[in-house]
Amino acid sequence: CLAADDGPKFTDDGRLLKPENYREWVWLSSGLGMSY
């Protein structure tokens, strides 16, 4: 159940819902000045 709950969710018209709890997910990295 946990694994299934962290996958993408969509609106009825196919838009991706922003994950509400993404800040509780696995943090991979932070960069400084890398926005391109």
PDB file of all heavy atoms in Angstrom:
ATOM      1  N   CYS A   1       0.838  -1.207   0.000  1.00  0.00           N
ATOM      2  CA  CYS A   1       0.000   0.000   0.000  1.00  0.00           C
ATOM      3  C   CYS A   1       0.867   1.249   0.000  1.00  0.00           C
ATOM      4  O   CYS A   1       0.582   2.200  -0.700  1.00  0.00           O
ATOM      5  CB  CYS A   1      -0.924   0.009   1.218  1.00  0.00           C
ATOM      6  SG  CYS A   1      -2.242  -1.202   1.106  1.00  0.00           S
ATOM      7  N   LEU A   2       1.931   1.223   0.795  1.00  0.00           N
ATOM      8  CA  LEU A   2       2.828   2.366   0.847  1.00  0.00           C
ATOM      9  C   LEU A   2       3.430   2.634  -0.527  1.00  0.00           C
ATOM     10  O   LEU A   2       3.450   3.753  -1.003  1.00  0.00           O
ATOM     11  CB  LEU A   2       3.955   2.055   1.835  1.00  0.00           C
ATOM     12  CG  LEU A   2       4.168   3.011   3.001  1.00  0.00           C
ATOM     13  CD1 LEU A   2       5.272   2.547   3.892  1.00  0.00           C
ATOM     14  CD2 LEU A   2       4.249   4.426   2.624  1.00  0.00           C
ATOM     15  N   ALA A   3       3.909   1.597  -1.159  1.00  0.00           N
ATOM     16  CA  ALA A   3       4.544   1.757  -2.463  1.00  0.00           C
ATOM     17  C   ALA A   3       3.556   2.287  -3.492  1.00  0.00           C
ATOM     18  O   ALA A   3       3.894   3.128  -4.304  1.00  0.00           O
ATOM     19  CB  ALA A   3       5.136   0.438  -2.927  1.00  0.00           C
ATOM     20  N   ALA A   4       2.329   1.802  -3.463  1.00  0.00           N
ATOM     21  CA  ALA A   4       1.328   2.220  -4.442  1.00  0.00           C
ATOM     22  C   ALA A   4       0.926   3.676  -4.221  1.00  0.00           C
ATOM     23  O   ALA A   4       0.555   4.357  -5.165  1.00  0.00           O
ATOM     24  CB  ALA A   4       0.113   1.316  -4.369  1.00  0.00           C
ATOM     25  N   ASP A   5       1.015   4.163  -3.003  1.00  0.00           N
ATOM     26  CA  ASP A   5       0.575   5.518  -2.697  1.00  0.00           C
ATOM     27  C   ASP A   5       1.540   6.602  -3.152  1.00  0.00           C
ATOM     28  O   ASP A   5       1.184   7.754  -3.193  1.00  0.00           O
ATOM     29  CB  ASP A   5       0.337   5.671  -1.189  1.00  0.00           C
ATOM     30  CG  ASP A   5      -0.953   5.021  -0.749  1.00  0.00           C
ATOM     31  OD1 ASP A   5      -1.761   4.640  -1.613  1.00  0.00           O
ATOM     32  OD2 ASP A   5      -1.146   4.879   0.471  1.00  0.00           O
ATOM     33  N   ASP A   6       2.771   6.241  -3.490  1.00  0.00           N
ATOM     34  CA  ASP A   6       3.708   7.292  -3.849  1.00  0.00           C
ATOM     35  C   ASP A   6       3.869   7.463  -5.369  1.00  0.00           C
ATOM     36  O   ASP A   6       4.711   8.211  -5.811  1.00  0.00           O
ATOM     37  CB  ASP A   6       5.059   7.095  -3.158  1.00  0.00           C
ATOM     38  CG  ASP A   6       5.870   5.923  -3.688  1.00  0.00           C
ATOM     39  OD1 ASP A   6       5.431   5.260  -4.657  1.00  0.00           O
ATOM     40  OD2 ASP A   6       6.940   5.656  -3.126  1.00  0.00           O
ATOM     41  N   GLY A   7       3.050   6.796  -6.128  1.00  0.00           N
ATOM     42  CA  GLY A   7       3.094   6.946  -7.578  1.00  0.00           C
ATOM     43  C   GLY A   7       2.330   8.180  -8.022  1.00  0.00           C
ATOM     44  O   GLY A   7       1.688   8.859  -7.229  1.00  0.00           O
ATOM     45  N   PRO A   8       2.388   8.489  -9.306  1.00  0.00           N
ATOM     46  CA  PRO A   8       1.702   9.675  -9.812  1.00  0.00           C
ATOM     47  C   PRO A   8       0.186   9.545  -9.722  1.00  0.00           C
ATOM     48  O   PRO A   8      -0.359   8.453  -9.817  1.00  0.00           O
ATOM     49  CB  PRO A   8       2.160   9.745 -11.267  1.00  0.00           C
ATOM     50  CG  PRO A   8       2.536   8.343 -11.615  1.00  0.00           C
ATOM     51  CD  PRO A   8       3.051   7.726 -10.357  1.00  0.00           C
ATOM     52  N   LYS A   9      -0.445  10.684  -9.525  1.00  0.00           N
ATOM     53  CA  LYS A   9      -1.906  10.763  -9.509  1.00  0.00           C
ATOM     54  C   LYS A   9      -2.302  11.864 -10.486  1.00  0.00           C
ATOM     55  O   LYS A   9      -1.596  12.848 -10.652  1.00  0.00           O
ATOM     56  CB  LYS A   9      -2.408  11.055  -8.106  1.00  0.00           C
ATOM     57  CG  LYS A   9      -2.108   9.900  -7.143  1.00  0.00           C
ATOM     58  CD  LYS A   9      -2.546  10.220  -5.737  1.00  0.00           C
ATOM     59  CE  LYS A   9      -2.271   9.105  -4.771  1.00  0.00           C
ATOM     60  NZ  LYS A   9      -0.954   8.506  -4.800  1.00  0.00           N
ATOM     61  N   PHE A  10      -3.451  11.657 -11.134  1.00  0.00           N
ATOM     62  CA  PHE A  10      -3.877  12.564 -12.200  1.00  0.00           C
ATOM     63  C   PHE A  10      -5.298  13.064 -11.961  1.00  0.00           C
ATOM     64  O   PHE A  10      -6.103  12.397 -11.314  1.00  0.00           O
ATOM     65  CB  PHE A  10      -3.837  11.838 -13.554  1.00  0.00           C
ATOM     66  CG  PHE A  10      -2.459  11.388 -13.943  1.00  0.00           C
ATOM     67  CD1 PHE A  10      -1.992  10.132 -13.582  1.00  0.00           C
ATOM     68  CD2 PHE A  10      -1.626  12.229 -14.653  1.00  0.00           C
ATOM     69  CE1 PHE A  10      -0.718   9.711 -13.932  1.00  0.00           C
ATOM     70  CE2 PHE A  10      -0.347  11.820 -15.019  1.00  0.00           C
ATOM     71  CZ  PHE A  10       0.101  10.556 -14.642  1.00  0.00           C
ATOM     72  N   THR A  11      -5.602  14.228 -12.519  1.00  0.00           N
ATOM     73  CA  THR A  11      -6.968  14.737 -12.512  1.00  0.00           C
ATOM     74  C   THR A  11      -7.756  13.961 -13.562  1.00  0.00           C
ATOM     75  O   THR A  11      -7.181  13.243 -14.383  1.00  0.00           O
ATOM     76  CB  THR A  11      -7.000  16.240 -12.857  1.00  0.00           C
ATOM     77  OG1 THR A  11      -6.474  16.403 -14.181  1.00  0.00           O
ATOM     78  CG2 THR A  11      -6.200  17.071 -11.858  1.00  0.00           C
ATOM     79  N   ASP A  12      -9.064  14.136 -13.574  1.00  0.00           N
ATOM     80  CA  ASP A  12      -9.906  13.457 -14.559  1.00  0.00           C
ATOM     81  C   ASP A  12      -9.537  13.820 -15.999  1.00  0.00           C
ATOM     82  O   ASP A  12      -9.707  13.018 -16.913  1.00  0.00           O
ATOM     83  CB  ASP A  12     -11.385  13.773 -14.314  1.00  0.00           C
ATOM     84  CG  ASP A  12     -11.903  13.120 -13.046  1.00  0.00           C
ATOM     85  OD1 ASP A  12     -11.271  12.149 -12.570  1.00  0.00           O
ATOM     86  OD2 ASP A  12     -12.937  13.579 -12.522  1.00  0.00           O
ATOM     87  N   ASP A  13      -8.999  15.036 -16.187  1.00  0.00           N
ATOM     88  CA  ASP A  13      -8.621  15.449 -17.548  1.00  0.00           C
ATOM     89  C   ASP A  13      -7.141  15.189 -17.857  1.00  0.00           C
ATOM     90  O   ASP A  13      -6.594  15.724 -18.820  1.00  0.00           O
ATOM     91  CB  ASP A  13      -8.997  16.910 -17.805  1.00  0.00           C
ATOM     92  CG  ASP A  13      -8.273  17.883 -16.891  1.00  0.00           C
ATOM     93  OD1 ASP A  13      -7.624  17.450 -15.909  1.00  0.00           O
ATOM     94  OD2 ASP A  13      -8.347  19.101 -17.164  1.00  0.00           O
ATOM     95  N   GLY A  14      -6.466  14.358 -17.043  1.00  0.00           N
ATOM     96  CA  GLY A  14      -5.116  13.905 -17.352  1.00  0.00           C
ATOM     97  C   GLY A  14      -3.977  14.780 -16.872  1.00  0.00           C
ATOM     98  O   GLY A  14      -2.825  14.558 -17.243  1.00  0.00           O
ATOM     99  N   ARG A  15      -4.263  15.776 -16.055  1.00  0.00           N
ATOM    100  CA  ARG A  15      -3.194  16.632 -15.513  1.00  0.00           C
ATOM    101  C   ARG A  15      -2.552  15.935 -14.313  1.00  0.00           C
ATOM    102  O   ARG A  15      -3.238  15.313 -13.516  1.00  0.00           O
ATOM    103  CB  ARG A  15      -3.756  17.985 -15.100  1.00  0.00           C
ATOM    104  CG  ARG A  15      -4.274  18.796 -16.284  1.00  0.00           C
ATOM    105  CD  ARG A  15      -5.046  20.028 -15.838  1.00  0.00           C
ATOM    106  NE  ARG A  15      -4.234  20.964 -15.102  1.00  0.00           N
ATOM    107  CZ  ARG A  15      -3.535  21.975 -15.648  1.00  0.00           C
ATOM    108  NH1 ARG A  15      -3.584  22.163 -16.964  1.00  0.00           N
ATOM    109  NH2 ARG A  15      -2.826  22.784 -14.908  1.00  0.00           N
ATOM    110  N   LEU A  16      -1.230  16.047 -14.193  1.00  0.00           N
ATOM    111  CA  LEU A  16      -0.514  15.466 -13.066  1.00  0.00           C
ATOM    112  C   LEU A  16      -0.782  16.286 -11.811  1.00  0.00           C
ATOM    113  O   LEU A  16      -0.637  17.511 -11.828  1.00  0.00           O
ATOM    114  CB  LEU A  16       0.990  15.442 -13.355  1.00  0.00           C
ATOM    115  CG  LEU A  16       1.883  14.908 -12.235  1.00  0.00           C
ATOM    116  CD1 LEU A  16       1.641  13.410 -12.016  1.00  0.00           C
ATOM    117  CD2 LEU A  16       3.356  15.179 -12.568  1.00  0.00           C
ATOM    118  N   LEU A  17      -1.182  15.621 -10.752  1.00  0.00           N
ATOM    119  CA  LEU A  17      -1.352  16.298  -9.473  1.00  0.00           C
ATOM    120  C   LEU A  17       0.002  16.448  -8.794  1.00  0.00           C
ATOM    121  O   LEU A  17       0.804  15.505  -8.786  1.00  0.00           O
ATOM    122  CB  LEU A  17      -2.290  15.501  -8.559  1.00  0.00           C
ATOM    123  CG  LEU A  17      -3.762  15.505  -8.954  1.00  0.00           C
ATOM    124  CD1 LEU A  17      -4.544  14.493  -8.134  1.00  0.00           C
ATOM    125  CD2 LEU A  17      -4.341  16.902  -8.765  1.00  0.00           C
ATOM    126  N   LYS A  18       0.262  17.636  -8.254  1.00  0.00           N
ATOM    127  CA  LYS A  18       1.506  17.856  -7.527  1.00  0.00           C
ATOM    128  C   LYS A  18       1.470  16.994  -6.263  1.00  0.00           C
ATOM    129  O   LYS A  18       0.519  17.085  -5.483  1.00  0.00           O
ATOM    130  CB  LYS A  18       1.663  19.335  -7.164  1.00  0.00           C
ATOM    131  CG  LYS A  18       2.947  19.633  -6.417  1.00  0.00           C
ATOM    132  CD  LYS A  18       3.239  21.124  -6.290  1.00  0.00           C
ATOM    133  CE  LYS A  18       2.113  21.889  -5.700  1.00  0.00           C
ATOM    134  NZ  LYS A  18       2.426  23.307  -5.481  1.00  0.00           N
ATOM    135  N   PRO A  19       2.470  16.139  -6.063  1.00  0.00           N
ATOM    136  CA  PRO A  19       2.466  15.310  -4.855  1.00  0.00           C
ATOM    137  C   PRO A  19       2.517  16.196  -3.604  1.00  0.00           C
ATOM    138  O   PRO A  19       3.429  17.010  -3.456  1.00  0.00           O
ATOM    139  CB  PRO A  19       3.741  14.471  -4.983  1.00  0.00           C
ATOM    140  CG  PRO A  19       4.102  14.533  -6.426  1.00  0.00           C
ATOM    141  CD  PRO A  19       3.610  15.860  -6.921  1.00  0.00           C
ATOM    142  N   GLU A  20       1.532  16.041  -2.752  1.00  0.00           N
ATOM    143  CA  GLU A  20       1.457  16.885  -1.563  1.00  0.00           C
ATOM    144  C   GLU A  20       2.602  16.634  -0.595  1.00  0.00           C
ATOM    145  O   GLU A  20       3.057  17.547   0.075  1.00  0.00           O
ATOM    146  CB  GLU A  20       0.120  16.664  -0.850  1.00  0.00           C
ATOM    147  CG  GLU A  20      -1.065  17.182  -1.632  1.00  0.00           C
ATOM    148  CD  GLU A  20      -2.372  16.953  -0.904  1.00  0.00           C
ATOM    149  OE1 GLU A  20      -2.348  16.801   0.339  1.00  0.00           O
ATOM    150  OE2 GLU A  20      -3.410  16.926  -1.576  1.00  0.00           O
ATOM    151  N   ASN A  21       3.067  15.404  -0.538  1.00  0.00           N
ATOM    152  CA  ASN A  21       4.066  15.049   0.471  1.00  0.00           C
ATOM    153  C   ASN A  21       5.458  14.824  -0.119  1.00  0.00           C
ATOM    154  O   ASN A  21       6.269  14.117   0.464  1.00  0.00           O
ATOM    155  CB  ASN A  21       3.611  13.791   1.212  1.00  0.00           C
ATOM    156  CG  ASN A  21       3.561  12.584   0.295  1.00  0.00           C
ATOM    157  OD1 ASN A  21       3.497  12.724  -0.928  1.00  0.00           O
ATOM    158  ND2 ASN A  21       3.596  11.405   0.868  1.00  0.00           N
ATOM    159  N   TYR A  22       5.761  15.435  -1.252  1.00  0.00           N
ATOM    160  CA  TYR A  22       7.047  15.155  -1.910  1.00  0.00           C
ATOM    161  C   TYR A  22       8.239  15.470  -1.019  1.00  0.00           C
ATOM    162  O   TYR A  22       9.290  14.869  -1.136  1.00  0.00           O
ATOM    163  CB  TYR A  22       7.158  15.864  -3.261  1.00  0.00           C
ATOM    164  CG  TYR A  22       7.416  17.351  -3.161  1.00  0.00           C
ATOM    165  CD1 TYR A  22       8.719  17.844  -3.069  1.00  0.00           C
ATOM    166  CD2 TYR A  22       6.372  18.267  -3.161  1.00  0.00           C
ATOM    167  CE1 TYR A  22       8.961  19.199  -2.970  1.00  0.00           C
ATOM    168  CE2 TYR A  22       6.606  19.614  -3.070  1.00  0.00           C
ATOM    169  CZ  TYR A  22       7.896  20.085  -2.966  1.00  0.00           C
ATOM    170  OH  TYR A  22       8.133  21.422  -2.862  1.00  0.00           O
ATOM    171  N   ARG A  23       8.098  16.398  -0.082  1.00  0.00           N
ATOM    172  CA  ARG A  23       9.214  16.731   0.798  1.00  0.00           C
ATOM    173  C   ARG A  23       9.492  15.621   1.816  1.00  0.00           C
ATOM    174  O   ARG A  23      10.503  15.642   2.512  1.00  0.00           O
ATOM    175  CB  ARG A  23       8.964  18.055   1.500  1.00  0.00           C
ATOM    176  CG  ARG A  23       9.066  19.210   0.484  1.00  0.00           C
ATOM    177  CD  ARG A  23       9.102  20.557   1.097  1.00  0.00           C
ATOM    178  NE  ARG A  23      10.300  21.339   1.101  1.00  0.00           N
ATOM    179  CZ  ARG A  23      11.542  21.017   1.370  1.00  0.00           C
ATOM    180  NH1 ARG A  23      11.873  19.810   1.630  1.00  0.00           N
ATOM    181  NH2 ARG A  23      12.514  21.870   1.385  1.00  0.00           N
ATOM    182  N   GLU A  24       8.617  14.627   1.874  1.00  0.00           N
ATOM    183  CA  GLU A  24       8.847  13.450   2.720  1.00  0.00           C
ATOM    184  C   GLU A  24       9.459  12.311   1.903  1.00  0.00           C
ATOM    185  O   GLU A  24       9.738  11.247   2.437  1.00  0.00           O
ATOM    186  CB  GLU A  24       7.528  12.989   3.353  1.00  0.00           C
ATOM    187  CG  GLU A  24       6.924  14.021   4.278  1.00  0.00           C
ATOM    188  CD  GLU A  24       5.539  13.647   4.745  1.00  0.00           C
ATOM    189  OE1 GLU A  24       5.115  12.482   4.566  1.00  0.00           O
ATOM    190  OE2 GLU A  24       4.860  14.537   5.274  1.00  0.00           O
ATOM    191  N   TRP A  25       9.651  12.521   0.615  1.00  0.00           N
ATOM    192  CA  TRP A  25      10.242  11.514  -0.254  1.00  0.00           C
ATOM    193  C   TRP A  25      11.753  11.479  -0.054  1.00  0.00           C
ATOM    194  O   TRP A  25      12.308  12.204   0.772  1.00  0.00           O
ATOM    195  CB  TRP A  25       9.923  11.844  -1.705  1.00  0.00           C
ATOM    196  CG  TRP A  25       8.488  11.603  -2.095  1.00  0.00           C
ATOM    197  CD1 TRP A  25       7.454  11.220  -1.288  1.00  0.00           C
ATOM    198  CD2 TRP A  25       7.945  11.752  -3.393  1.00  0.00           C
ATOM    199  NE1 TRP A  25       6.304  11.112  -2.020  1.00  0.00           N
ATOM    200  CE2 TRP A  25       6.587  11.432  -3.323  1.00  0.00           C
ATOM    201  CE3 TRP A  25       8.487  12.117  -4.611  1.00  0.00           C
ATOM    202  CZ2 TRP A  25       5.755  11.460  -4.430  1.00  0.00           C
ATOM    203  CZ3 TRP A  25       7.659  12.149  -5.717  1.00  0.00           C
ATOM    204  CH2 TRP A  25       6.309  11.824  -5.621  1.00  0.00           C
ATOM    205  N   VAL A  26      12.426  10.679  -0.853  1.00  0.00           N
ATOM    206  CA  VAL A  26      13.875  10.557  -0.765  1.00  0.00           C
ATOM    207  C   VAL A  26      14.508  11.779  -1.426  1.00  0.00           C
ATOM    208  O   VAL A  26      14.248  12.072  -2.597  1.00  0.00           O
ATOM    209  CB  VAL A  26      14.363   9.259  -1.441  1.00  0.00           C
ATOM    210  CG1 VAL A  26      15.885   9.175  -1.375  1.00  0.00           C
ATOM    211  CG2 VAL A  26      13.724   8.044  -0.790  1.00  0.00           C
ATOM    212  N   TRP A  27      15.309  12.482  -0.631  1.00  0.00           N
ATOM    213  CA  TRP A  27      16.043  13.637  -1.150  1.00  0.00           C
ATOM    214  C   TRP A  27      17.280  13.108  -1.851  1.00  0.00           C
ATOM    215  O   TRP A  27      18.047  12.326  -1.279  1.00  0.00           O
ATOM    216  CB  TRP A  27      16.418  14.564   0.001  1.00  0.00           C
ATOM    217  CG  TRP A  27      17.393  15.628  -0.367  1.00  0.00           C
ATOM    218  CD1 TRP A  27      17.133  16.788  -1.018  1.00  0.00           C
ATOM    219  CD2 TRP A  27      18.806  15.624  -0.101  1.00  0.00           C
ATOM    220  NE1 TRP A  27      18.285  17.513  -1.188  1.00  0.00           N
ATOM    221  CE2 TRP A  27      19.329  16.813  -0.616  1.00  0.00           C
ATOM    222  CE3 TRP A  27      19.663  14.734   0.525  1.00  0.00           C
ATOM    223  CZ2 TRP A  27      20.671  17.139  -0.532  1.00  0.00           C
ATOM    224  CZ3 TRP A  27      21.008  15.052   0.607  1.00  0.00           C
ATOM    225  CH2 TRP A  27      21.493  16.245   0.082  1.00  0.00           C
ATOM    226  N   LEU A  28      17.496  13.479  -3.111  1.00  0.00           N
ATOM    227  CA  LEU A  28      18.635  12.998  -3.876  1.00  0.00           C
ATOM    228  C   LEU A  28      19.804  13.964  -3.878  1.00  0.00           C
ATOM    229  O   LEU A  28      20.956  13.545  -3.847  1.00  0.00           O
ATOM    230  CB  LEU A  28      18.224  12.696  -5.320  1.00  0.00           C
ATOM    231  CG  LEU A  28      17.229  11.559  -5.499  1.00  0.00           C
ATOM    232  CD1 LEU A  28      16.858  11.401  -6.957  1.00  0.00           C
ATOM    233  CD2 LEU A  28      17.785  10.267  -4.930  1.00  0.00           C
ATOM    234  N   SER A  29      19.508  15.254  -3.961  1.00  0.00           N
ATOM    235  CA  SER A  29      20.595  16.213  -4.047  1.00  0.00           C
ATOM    236  C   SER A  29      20.055  17.635  -4.013  1.00  0.00           C
ATOM    237  O   SER A  29      18.871  17.863  -4.285  1.00  0.00           O
ATOM    238  CB  SER A  29      21.364  16.001  -5.356  1.00  0.00           C
ATOM    239  OG  SER A  29      22.520  16.801  -5.392  1.00  0.00           O
ATOM    240  N   SER A  30      20.933  18.557  -3.698  1.00  0.00           N
ATOM    241  CA  SER A  30      20.666  19.985  -3.861  1.00  0.00           C
ATOM    242  C   SER A  30      21.799  20.561  -4.684  1.00  0.00           C
ATOM    243  O   SER A  30      22.949  20.141  -4.546  1.00  0.00           O
ATOM    244  CB  SER A  30      20.616  20.704  -2.511  1.00  0.00           C
ATOM    245  OG  SER A  30      19.475  20.345  -1.795  1.00  0.00           O
ATOM    246  N   GLY A  31      21.465  21.498  -5.536  1.00  0.00           N
ATOM    247  CA  GLY A  31      22.480  22.181  -6.329  1.00  0.00           C
ATOM    248  C   GLY A  31      22.349  23.673  -6.101  1.00  0.00           C
ATOM    249  O   GLY A  31      21.291  24.174  -5.728  1.00  0.00           O
ATOM    250  N   LEU A  32      23.404  24.387  -6.328  1.00  0.00           N
ATOM    251  CA  LEU A  32      23.407  25.836  -6.194  1.00  0.00           C
ATOM    252  C   LEU A  32      23.790  26.429  -7.539  1.00  0.00           C
ATOM    253  O   LEU A  32      24.862  26.127  -8.083  1.00  0.00           O
ATOM    254  CB  LEU A  32      24.403  26.280  -5.117  1.00  0.00           C
ATOM    255  CG  LEU A  32      24.536  27.788  -4.904  1.00  0.00           C
ATOM    256  CD1 LEU A  32      23.211  28.396  -4.441  1.00  0.00           C
ATOM    257  CD2 LEU A  32      25.640  28.073  -3.885  1.00  0.00           C
ATOM    258  N   GLY A  33      22.889  27.216  -8.120  1.00  0.00           N
ATOM    259  CA  GLY A  33      23.161  27.875  -9.389  1.00  0.00           C
ATOM    260  C   GLY A  33      23.014  26.956 -10.588  1.00  0.00           C
ATOM    261  O   GLY A  33      23.471  27.282 -11.670  1.00  0.00           O
ATOM    262  N   MET A  34      22.363  25.807 -10.416  1.00  0.00           N
ATOM    263  CA  MET A  34      22.242  24.842 -11.511  1.00  0.00           C
ATOM    264  C   MET A  34      20.965  25.003 -12.319  1.00  0.00           C
ATOM    265  O   MET A  34      20.759  24.285 -13.272  1.00  0.00           O
ATOM    266  CB  MET A  34      22.306  23.418 -10.948  1.00  0.00           C
ATOM    267  CG  MET A  34      23.669  23.075 -10.395  1.00  0.00           C
ATOM    268  SD  MET A  34      23.759  21.412  -9.739  1.00  0.00           S
ATOM    269  CE  MET A  34      23.528  20.452 -11.222  1.00  0.00           C
ATOM    270  N   SER A  35      20.082  25.897 -11.939  1.00  0.00           N
ATOM    271  CA  SER A  35      18.838  26.069 -12.670  1.00  0.00           C
ATOM    272  C   SER A  35      19.152  26.577 -14.063  1.00  0.00           C
ATOM    273  O   SER A  35      19.873  27.555 -14.236  1.00  0.00           O
ATOM    274  CB  SER A  35      17.922  27.051 -11.928  1.00  0.00           C
ATOM    275  OG  SER A  35      16.690  27.124 -12.562  1.00  0.00           O
ATOM    276  N   TYR A  36      18.630  25.883 -15.076  1.00  0.00           N
ATOM    277  CA  TYR A  36      18.997  26.214 -16.454  1.00  0.00           C
ATOM    278  C   TYR A  36      17.791  26.523 -17.315  1.00  0.00           C
ATOM    279  O   TYR A  36      17.896  26.591 -18.518  1.00  0.00           O
ATOM    280  CB  TYR A  36      19.788  25.049 -17.066  1.00  0.00           C
ATOM    281  CG  TYR A  36      19.205  23.702 -16.722  1.00  0.00           C
ATOM    282  CD1 TYR A  36      18.086  23.220 -17.388  1.00  0.00           C
ATOM    283  CD2 TYR A  36      19.746  22.938 -15.704  1.00  0.00           C
ATOM    284  CE1 TYR A  36      17.539  21.997 -17.052  1.00  0.00           C
ATOM    285  CE2 TYR A  36      19.199  21.711 -15.348  1.00  0.00           C
ATOM    286  CZ  TYR A  36      18.097  21.250 -16.039  1.00  0.00           C
ATOM    287  OH  TYR A  36      17.549  20.061 -15.699  1.00  0.00           O
TER     288      TYR A  36
END
